[in-house]
Structure formats: structure tokens, C-alpha cells
Amino acid sequence: MDMFPITFYALLCGLVGLFSPRFGRWYGRLMFGAVLGVFAATAMPHVRALAGL
């Protein structure tokens, strides 16, 4: 099993957990999670290439 995607998404999920209480209501947390998920899916191949993995 490739550990890079698991580690990458685990770090981003930790950020969601850290910052989501600041967004108050459920829709604010949902939008933050959705935007972060799109960013993560788009950025992961680039981060992986920069890391040489």
C-alpha cells in the first residue's frame, strides 16, 4: 500500500479538524471541507512530483 496519499490526506483532515470549529454552522464546515478536498485532489500529484515519489 502506498503511504503517500494516506499521509497527505491525514494531514489535511487534521487541518480540517483544527480549523472547522471556526466556521460555526454545518454549512461553513461542509464548504471548507469541500474546498480543501478539491484542493487536495488537485495538489497531491504536484506535491508528490516535487517530493520525487
C-alpha atoms as a PDB file:
ATOM      1  CA  MET A   1       0.000   0.000   0.000  1.00  0.00           C
ATOM      2  CA  ASP A   2       1.268   3.451  -0.912  1.00  0.00           C
ATOM      3  CA  MET A   3       1.604   5.582   2.222  1.00  0.00           C
ATOM      4  CA  PHE A   4       1.913   8.970   0.499  1.00  0.00           C
ATOM      5  CA  PRO A   5      -1.807   9.524  -0.239  1.00  0.00           C
ATOM      6  CA  ILE A   6      -2.794   8.289   3.207  1.00  0.00           C
ATOM      7  CA  THR A   7      -0.325  10.627   4.913  1.00  0.00           C
ATOM      8  CA  PHE A   8      -1.238  13.544   2.654  1.00  0.00           C
ATOM      9  CA  TYR A   9      -4.969  13.224   3.290  1.00  0.00           C
ATOM     10  CA  ALA A  10      -4.429  12.547   7.009  1.00  0.00           C
ATOM     11  CA  LEU A  11      -2.571  15.841   7.346  1.00  0.00           C
ATOM     12  CA  LEU A  12      -5.311  17.696   5.512  1.00  0.00           C
ATOM     13  CA  CYS A  13      -8.033  16.046   7.584  1.00  0.00           C
ATOM     14  CA  GLY A  14      -6.132  17.148  10.679  1.00  0.00           C
ATOM     15  CA  LEU A  15      -6.222  20.703   9.369  1.00  0.00           C
ATOM     16  CA  VAL A  16      -9.970  20.422   8.831  1.00  0.00           C
ATOM     17  CA  GLY A  17     -10.369  19.246  12.406  1.00  0.00           C
ATOM     18  CA  LEU A  18      -8.212  22.097  13.632  1.00  0.00           C
ATOM     19  CA  PHE A  19      -9.923  24.895  11.721  1.00  0.00           C
ATOM     20  CA  SER A  20     -13.519  23.693  11.307  1.00  0.00           C
ATOM     21  CA  PRO A  21     -14.822  24.951  14.676  1.00  0.00           C
ATOM     22  CA  ARG A  22     -14.067  28.475  13.484  1.00  0.00           C
ATOM     23  CA  PHE A  23     -16.613  28.101  10.687  1.00  0.00           C
ATOM     24  CA  GLY A  24     -19.513  27.733  13.092  1.00  0.00           C
ATOM     25  CA  ARG A  25     -22.503  26.143  11.417  1.00  0.00           C
ATOM     26  CA  TRP A  26     -22.541  22.882   9.485  1.00  0.00           C
ATOM     27  CA  TYR A  27     -22.637  24.524   6.060  1.00  0.00           C
ATOM     28  CA  GLY A  28     -19.486  26.515   6.775  1.00  0.00           C
ATOM     29  CA  ARG A  29     -17.655  23.348   7.805  1.00  0.00           C
ATOM     30  CA  LEU A  30     -19.055  21.496   4.800  1.00  0.00           C
ATOM     31  CA  MET A  31     -17.871  24.184   2.383  1.00  0.00           C
ATOM     32  CA  PHE A  32     -14.440  24.331   3.997  1.00  0.00           C
ATOM     33  CA  GLY A  33     -14.109  20.552   3.743  1.00  0.00           C
ATOM     34  CA  ALA A  34     -15.277  20.545   0.124  1.00  0.00           C
ATOM     35  CA  VAL A  35     -12.849  23.278  -0.918  1.00  0.00           C
ATOM     36  CA  LEU A  36      -9.997  21.580   0.912  1.00  0.00           C
ATOM     37  CA  GLY A  37     -10.888  18.233  -0.671  1.00  0.00           C
ATOM     38  CA  VAL A  38     -10.797  19.700  -4.173  1.00  0.00           C
ATOM     39  CA  PHE A  39      -7.503  21.417  -3.387  1.00  0.00           C
ATOM     40  CA  ALA A  40      -6.047  18.181  -2.012  1.00  0.00           C
ATOM     41  CA  ALA A  41      -7.091  16.098  -5.005  1.00  0.00           C
ATOM     42  CA  THR A  42      -5.634  18.708  -7.354  1.00  0.00           C
ATOM     43  CA  ALA A  43      -2.436  19.358  -5.416  1.00  0.00           C
ATOM     44  CA  MET A  44      -1.446  15.815  -4.447  1.00  0.00           C
ATOM     45  CA  PRO A  45       0.087  14.811  -7.818  1.00  0.00           C
ATOM     46  CA  HIS A  46       2.132  18.019  -7.853  1.00  0.00           C
ATOM     47  CA  VAL A  47       3.307  17.594  -4.264  1.00  0.00           C
ATOM     48  CA  ARG A  48       4.193  14.000  -4.996  1.00  0.00           C
ATOM     49  CA  ALA A  49       6.237  15.006  -8.063  1.00  0.00           C
ATOM     50  CA  LEU A  50       8.043  17.733  -6.116  1.00  0.00           C
ATOM     51  CA  ALA A  51       8.873  15.221  -3.388  1.00  0.00           C
ATOM     52  CA  GLY A  52      10.225  12.835  -6.008  1.00  0.00           C
ATOM     53  CA  LEU A  53       7.871   9.993  -5.105  1.00  0.00           C
END
